[in-house]
Amino acid sequence: MDKAINIVSVAVIVILLLAFLSEKFFPIEGLELFYEKKFYLAIIYLILRVSRIYILKKTK
């Protein structure tokens, strides 16, 4: 479970990084709504990291 959370959280970080770079340097037409919803991806990332810590503590 821990490995799956790590993979998903890395994927979310990569998506956030690409969205930030895309918005600032080469905006893509049609992704305006996605650019506005980046905050929700950041919240999902934080939830994943906190749940990973909880799972690690629970299994010890």
PDB file of N, CA and C in Angstrom:
ATOM      1  N   MET A   1       0.831  -1.191   0.000  1.00  0.00           N
ATOM      2  CA  MET A   1       0.000   0.000   0.000  1.00  0.00           C
ATOM      3  C   MET A   1       0.871   1.250   0.000  1.00  0.00           C
ATOM      4  N   ASP A   2       1.969   1.189   0.743  1.00  0.00           N
ATOM      5  CA  ASP A   2       2.872   2.325   0.841  1.00  0.00           C
ATOM      6  C   ASP A   2       3.489   2.654  -0.520  1.00  0.00           C
ATOM      7  N   LYS A   3       3.864   1.623  -1.272  1.00  0.00           N
ATOM      8  CA  LYS A   3       4.459   1.847  -2.594  1.00  0.00           C
ATOM      9  C   LYS A   3       3.452   2.460  -3.555  1.00  0.00           C
ATOM     10  N   ALA A   4       2.208   2.022  -3.480  1.00  0.00           N
ATOM     11  CA  ALA A   4       1.169   2.570  -4.357  1.00  0.00           C
ATOM     12  C   ALA A   4       0.931   4.052  -4.052  1.00  0.00           C
ATOM     13  N   ILE A   5       0.903   4.399  -2.772  1.00  0.00           N
ATOM     14  CA  ILE A   5       0.714   5.800  -2.394  1.00  0.00           C
ATOM     15  C   ILE A   5       1.892   6.633  -2.870  1.00  0.00           C
ATOM     16  N   ASN A   6       3.113   6.097  -2.767  1.00  0.00           N
ATOM     17  CA  ASN A   6       4.280   6.826  -3.249  1.00  0.00           C
ATOM     18  C   ASN A   6       4.201   7.083  -4.752  1.00  0.00           C
ATOM     19  N   ILE A   7       3.822   6.073  -5.504  1.00  0.00           N
ATOM     20  CA  ILE A   7       3.721   6.216  -6.958  1.00  0.00           C
ATOM     21  C   ILE A   7       2.673   7.259  -7.323  1.00  0.00           C
ATOM     22  N   VAL A   8       1.509   7.205  -6.680  1.00  0.00           N
ATOM     23  CA  VAL A   8       0.442   8.157  -6.975  1.00  0.00           C
ATOM     24  C   VAL A   8       0.848   9.568  -6.572  1.00  0.00           C
ATOM     25  N   SER A   9       1.500   9.719  -5.428  1.00  0.00           N
ATOM     26  CA  SER A   9       1.898  11.056  -4.992  1.00  0.00           C
ATOM     27  C   SER A   9       2.971  11.644  -5.906  1.00  0.00           C
ATOM     28  N   VAL A  10       3.877  10.823  -6.403  1.00  0.00           N
ATOM     29  CA  VAL A  10       4.875  11.316  -7.359  1.00  0.00           C
ATOM     30  C   VAL A  10       4.187  11.727  -8.656  1.00  0.00           C
ATOM     31  N   ALA A  11       3.210  10.961  -9.089  1.00  0.00           N
ATOM     32  CA  ALA A  11       2.465  11.305 -10.306  1.00  0.00           C
ATOM     33  C   ALA A  11       1.731  12.634 -10.130  1.00  0.00           C
ATOM     34  N   VAL A  12       1.145  12.854  -8.971  1.00  0.00           N
ATOM     35  CA  VAL A  12       0.436  14.111  -8.711  1.00  0.00           C
ATOM     36  C   VAL A  12       1.417  15.278  -8.718  1.00  0.00           C
ATOM     37  N   ILE A  13       2.589  15.104  -8.122  1.00  0.00           N
ATOM     38  CA  ILE A  13       3.598  16.165  -8.118  1.00  0.00           C
ATOM     39  C   ILE A  13       4.055  16.483  -9.534  1.00  0.00           C
ATOM     40  N   VAL A  14       4.256  15.452 -10.345  1.00  0.00           N
ATOM     41  CA  VAL A  14       4.674  15.674 -11.735  1.00  0.00           C
ATOM     42  C   VAL A  14       3.590  16.431 -12.501  1.00  0.00           C
ATOM     43  N   ILE A  15       2.333  16.062 -12.304  1.00  0.00           N
ATOM     44  CA  ILE A  15       1.228  16.754 -12.970  1.00  0.00           C
ATOM     45  C   ILE A  15       1.167  18.215 -12.529  1.00  0.00           C
ATOM     46  N   LEU A  16       1.330  18.461 -11.230  1.00  0.00           N
ATOM     47  CA  LEU A  16       1.333  19.844 -10.730  1.00  0.00           C
ATOM     48  C   LEU A  16       2.494  20.649 -11.315  1.00  0.00           C
ATOM     49  N   LEU A  17       3.663  20.041 -11.382  1.00  0.00           N
ATOM     50  CA  LEU A  17       4.826  20.724 -11.936  1.00  0.00           C
ATOM     51  C   LEU A  17       4.622  21.048 -13.412  1.00  0.00           C
ATOM     52  N   LEU A  18       4.122  20.088 -14.172  1.00  0.00           N
ATOM     53  CA  LEU A  18       3.857  20.334 -15.591  1.00  0.00           C
ATOM     54  C   LEU A  18       2.778  21.393 -15.785  1.00  0.00           C
ATOM     55  N   ALA A  19       1.762  21.367 -14.935  1.00  0.00           N
ATOM     56  CA  ALA A  19       0.699  22.373 -15.032  1.00  0.00           C
ATOM     57  C   ALA A  19       1.242  23.762 -14.733  1.00  0.00           C
ATOM     58  N   PHE A  20       2.088  23.866 -13.725  1.00  0.00           N
ATOM     59  CA  PHE A  20       2.673  25.163 -13.388  1.00  0.00           C
ATOM     60  C   PHE A  20       3.547  25.677 -14.527  1.00  0.00           C
ATOM     61  N   LEU A  21       4.417  24.819 -15.031  1.00  0.00           N
ATOM     62  CA  LEU A  21       5.301  25.235 -16.119  1.00  0.00           C
ATOM     63  C   LEU A  21       4.513  25.574 -17.373  1.00  0.00           C
ATOM     64  N   SER A  22       3.495  24.774 -17.650  1.00  0.00           N
ATOM     65  CA  SER A  22       2.681  25.014 -18.832  1.00  0.00           C
ATOM     66  C   SER A  22       1.934  26.339 -18.720  1.00  0.00           C
ATOM     67  N   GLU A  23       1.400  26.603 -17.555  1.00  0.00           N
ATOM     68  CA  GLU A  23       0.635  27.841 -17.369  1.00  0.00           C
ATOM     69  C   GLU A  23       1.525  29.074 -17.491  1.00  0.00           C
ATOM     70  N   LYS A  24       2.723  29.002 -16.949  1.00  0.00           N
ATOM     71  CA  LYS A  24       3.597  30.177 -16.917  1.00  0.00           C
ATOM     72  C   LYS A  24       4.354  30.400 -18.232  1.00  0.00           C
ATOM     73  N   PHE A  25       4.793  29.331 -18.881  1.00  0.00           N
ATOM     74  CA  PHE A  25       5.711  29.487 -20.001  1.00  0.00           C
ATOM     75  C   PHE A  25       5.118  29.154 -21.374  1.00  0.00           C
ATOM     76  N   PHE A  26       4.234  28.150 -21.441  1.00  0.00           N
ATOM     77  CA  PHE A  26       3.622  27.825 -22.729  1.00  0.00           C
ATOM     78  C   PHE A  26       2.175  27.391 -22.505  1.00  0.00           C
ATOM     79  N   PRO A  27       1.296  28.370 -22.268  1.00  0.00           N
ATOM     80  CA  PRO A  27      -0.107  28.054 -21.990  1.00  0.00           C
ATOM     81  C   PRO A  27      -0.759  27.291 -23.150  1.00  0.00           C
ATOM     82  N   ILE A  28      -1.502  26.285 -22.804  1.00  0.00           N
ATOM     83  CA  ILE A  28      -2.191  25.463 -23.785  1.00  0.00           C
ATOM     84  C   ILE A  28      -3.666  25.858 -23.777  1.00  0.00           C
ATOM     85  N   GLU A  29      -4.154  26.176 -24.944  1.00  0.00           N
ATOM     86  CA  GLU A  29      -5.546  26.583 -25.067  1.00  0.00           C
ATOM     87  C   GLU A  29      -6.445  25.398 -24.730  1.00  0.00           C
ATOM     88  N   GLY A  30      -7.460  25.625 -23.914  1.00  0.00           N
ATOM     89  CA  GLY A  30      -8.385  24.577 -23.524  1.00  0.00           C
ATOM     90  C   GLY A  30      -8.113  24.013 -22.138  1.00  0.00           C
ATOM     91  N   LEU A  31      -6.971  24.351 -21.538  1.00  0.00           N
ATOM     92  CA  LEU A  31      -6.643  23.847 -20.202  1.00  0.00           C
ATOM     93  C   LEU A  31      -6.848  24.892 -19.108  1.00  0.00           C
ATOM     94  N   GLU A  32      -7.591  25.935 -19.397  1.00  0.00           N
ATOM     95  CA  GLU A  32      -7.796  26.997 -18.408  1.00  0.00           C
ATOM     96  C   GLU A  32      -8.471  26.474 -17.144  1.00  0.00           C
ATOM     97  N   LEU A  33      -9.449  25.596 -17.306  1.00  0.00           N
ATOM     98  CA  LEU A  33     -10.137  25.043 -16.136  1.00  0.00           C
ATOM     99  C   LEU A  33      -9.186  24.194 -15.301  1.00  0.00           C
ATOM    100  N   PHE A  34      -8.329  23.452 -15.960  1.00  0.00           N
ATOM    101  CA  PHE A  34      -7.334  22.647 -15.246  1.00  0.00           C
ATOM    102  C   PHE A  34      -6.375  23.545 -14.468  1.00  0.00           C
ATOM    103  N   TYR A  35      -5.974  24.660 -15.069  1.00  0.00           N
ATOM    104  CA  TYR A  35      -5.073  25.582 -14.383  1.00  0.00           C
ATOM    105  C   TYR A  35      -5.727  26.161 -13.134  1.00  0.00           C
ATOM    106  N   GLU A  36      -7.034  26.373 -13.191  1.00  0.00           N
ATOM    107  CA  GLU A  36      -7.751  26.910 -12.034  1.00  0.00           C
ATOM    108  C   GLU A  36      -7.899  25.872 -10.928  1.00  0.00           C
ATOM    109  N   LYS A  37      -7.885  24.594 -11.250  1.00  0.00           N
ATOM    110  CA  LYS A  37      -8.127  23.532 -10.273  1.00  0.00           C
ATOM    111  C   LYS A  37      -6.844  22.900  -9.741  1.00  0.00           C
ATOM    112  N   LYS A  38      -5.696  23.520  -9.970  1.00  0.00           N
ATOM    113  CA  LYS A  38      -4.429  22.968  -9.470  1.00  0.00           C
ATOM    114  C   LYS A  38      -4.429  22.874  -7.950  1.00  0.00           C
ATOM    115  N   PHE A  39      -5.131  23.763  -7.302  1.00  0.00           N
ATOM    116  CA  PHE A  39      -5.191  23.770  -5.839  1.00  0.00           C
ATOM    117  C   PHE A  39      -5.730  22.432  -5.320  1.00  0.00           C
ATOM    118  N   TYR A  40      -6.720  21.875  -6.008  1.00  0.00           N
ATOM    119  CA  TYR A  40      -7.288  20.603  -5.568  1.00  0.00           C
ATOM    120  C   TYR A  40      -6.283  19.469  -5.700  1.00  0.00           C
ATOM    121  N   LEU A  41      -5.455  19.509  -6.710  1.00  0.00           N
ATOM    122  CA  LEU A  41      -4.397  18.502  -6.837  1.00  0.00           C
ATOM    123  C   LEU A  41      -3.398  18.616  -5.693  1.00  0.00           C
ATOM    124  N   ALA A  42      -3.106  19.835  -5.279  1.00  0.00           N
ATOM    125  CA  ALA A  42      -2.197  20.019  -4.156  1.00  0.00           C
ATOM    126  C   ALA A  42      -2.805  19.454  -2.870  1.00  0.00           C
ATOM    127  N   ILE A  43      -4.095  19.634  -2.683  1.00  0.00           N
ATOM    128  CA  ILE A  43      -4.783  19.064  -1.508  1.00  0.00           C
ATOM    129  C   ILE A  43      -4.742  17.541  -1.562  1.00  0.00           C
ATOM    130  N   ILE A  44      -4.974  16.972  -2.737  1.00  0.00           N
ATOM    131  CA  ILE A  44      -4.910  15.512  -2.893  1.00  0.00           C
ATOM    132  C   ILE A  44      -3.511  15.007  -2.557  1.00  0.00           C
ATOM    133  N   TYR A  45      -2.486  15.737  -2.991  1.00  0.00           N
ATOM    134  CA  TYR A  45      -1.119  15.352  -2.676  1.00  0.00           C
ATOM    135  C   TYR A  45      -0.881  15.346  -1.163  1.00  0.00           C
ATOM    136  N   LEU A  46      -1.335  16.379  -0.494  1.00  0.00           N
ATOM    137  CA  LEU A  46      -1.161  16.439   0.962  1.00  0.00           C
ATOM    138  C   LEU A  46      -1.891  15.295   1.662  1.00  0.00           C
ATOM    139  N   ILE A  47      -3.091  14.976   1.206  1.00  0.00           N
ATOM    140  CA  ILE A  47      -3.846  13.864   1.787  1.00  0.00           C
ATOM    141  C   ILE A  47      -3.106  12.555   1.585  1.00  0.00           C
ATOM    142  N   LEU A  48      -2.531  12.361   0.413  1.00  0.00           N
ATOM    143  CA  LEU A  48      -1.765  11.141   0.148  1.00  0.00           C
ATOM    144  C   LEU A  48      -0.562  11.029   1.069  1.00  0.00           C
ATOM    145  N   ARG A  49       0.147  12.118   1.262  1.00  0.00           N
ATOM    146  CA  ARG A  49       1.336  12.068   2.112  1.00  0.00           C
ATOM    147  C   ARG A  49       0.960  11.811   3.570  1.00  0.00           C
ATOM    148  N   VAL A  50      -0.099  12.446   4.049  1.00  0.00           N
ATOM    149  CA  VAL A  50      -0.531  12.229   5.434  1.00  0.00           C
ATOM    150  C   VAL A  50      -1.021  10.796   5.622  1.00  0.00           C
ATOM    151  N   SER A  51      -1.757  10.290   4.640  1.00  0.00           N
ATOM    152  CA  SER A  51      -2.234   8.904   4.761  1.00  0.00           C
ATOM    153  C   SER A  51      -1.067   7.925   4.721  1.00  0.00           C
ATOM    154  N   ARG A  52      -0.014   8.232   3.976  1.00  0.00           N
ATOM    155  CA  ARG A  52       1.168   7.368   3.952  1.00  0.00           C
ATOM    156  C   ARG A  52       1.809   7.316   5.332  1.00  0.00           C
ATOM    157  N   ILE A  53       1.937   8.477   5.965  1.00  0.00           N
ATOM    158  CA  ILE A  53       2.524   8.527   7.304  1.00  0.00           C
ATOM    159  C   ILE A  53       1.653   7.738   8.278  1.00  0.00           C
ATOM    160  N   TYR A  54       0.343   7.888   8.172  1.00  0.00           N
ATOM    161  CA  TYR A  54      -0.572   7.155   9.054  1.00  0.00           C
ATOM    162  C   TYR A  54      -0.438   5.652   8.846  1.00  0.00           C
ATOM    163  N   ILE A  55      -0.353   5.220   7.614  1.00  0.00           N
ATOM    164  CA  ILE A  55      -0.232   3.788   7.325  1.00  0.00           C
ATOM    165  C   ILE A  55       1.083   3.244   7.845  1.00  0.00           C
ATOM    166  N   LEU A  56       2.166   4.002   7.694  1.00  0.00           N
ATOM    167  CA  LEU A  56       3.465   3.557   8.206  1.00  0.00           C
ATOM    168  C   LEU A  56       3.432   3.418   9.720  1.00  0.00           C
ATOM    169  N   LYS A  57       2.818   4.373  10.415  1.00  0.00           N
ATOM    170  CA  LYS A  57       2.732   4.293  11.873  1.00  0.00           C
ATOM    171  C   LYS A  57       1.846   3.152  12.316  1.00  0.00           C
ATOM    172  N   LYS A  58       0.786   2.884  11.562  1.00  0.00           N
ATOM    173  CA  LYS A  58      -0.160   1.827  11.919  1.00  0.00           C
ATOM    174  C   LYS A  58       0.459   0.445  11.756  1.00  0.00           C
ATOM    175  N   THR A  59       1.326   0.264  10.773  1.00  0.00           N
ATOM    176  CA  THR A  59       1.908  -1.057  10.522  1.00  0.00           C
ATOM    177  C   THR A  59       3.065  -1.369  11.454  1.00  0.00           C
ATOM    178  N   LYS A  60       3.617  -0.363  12.144  1.00  0.00           N
ATOM    179  CA  LYS A  60       4.737  -0.622  13.059  1.00  0.00           C
ATOM    180  C   LYS A  60       4.291  -1.157  14.375  1.00  0.00           C
TER     181      LYS A  60
END
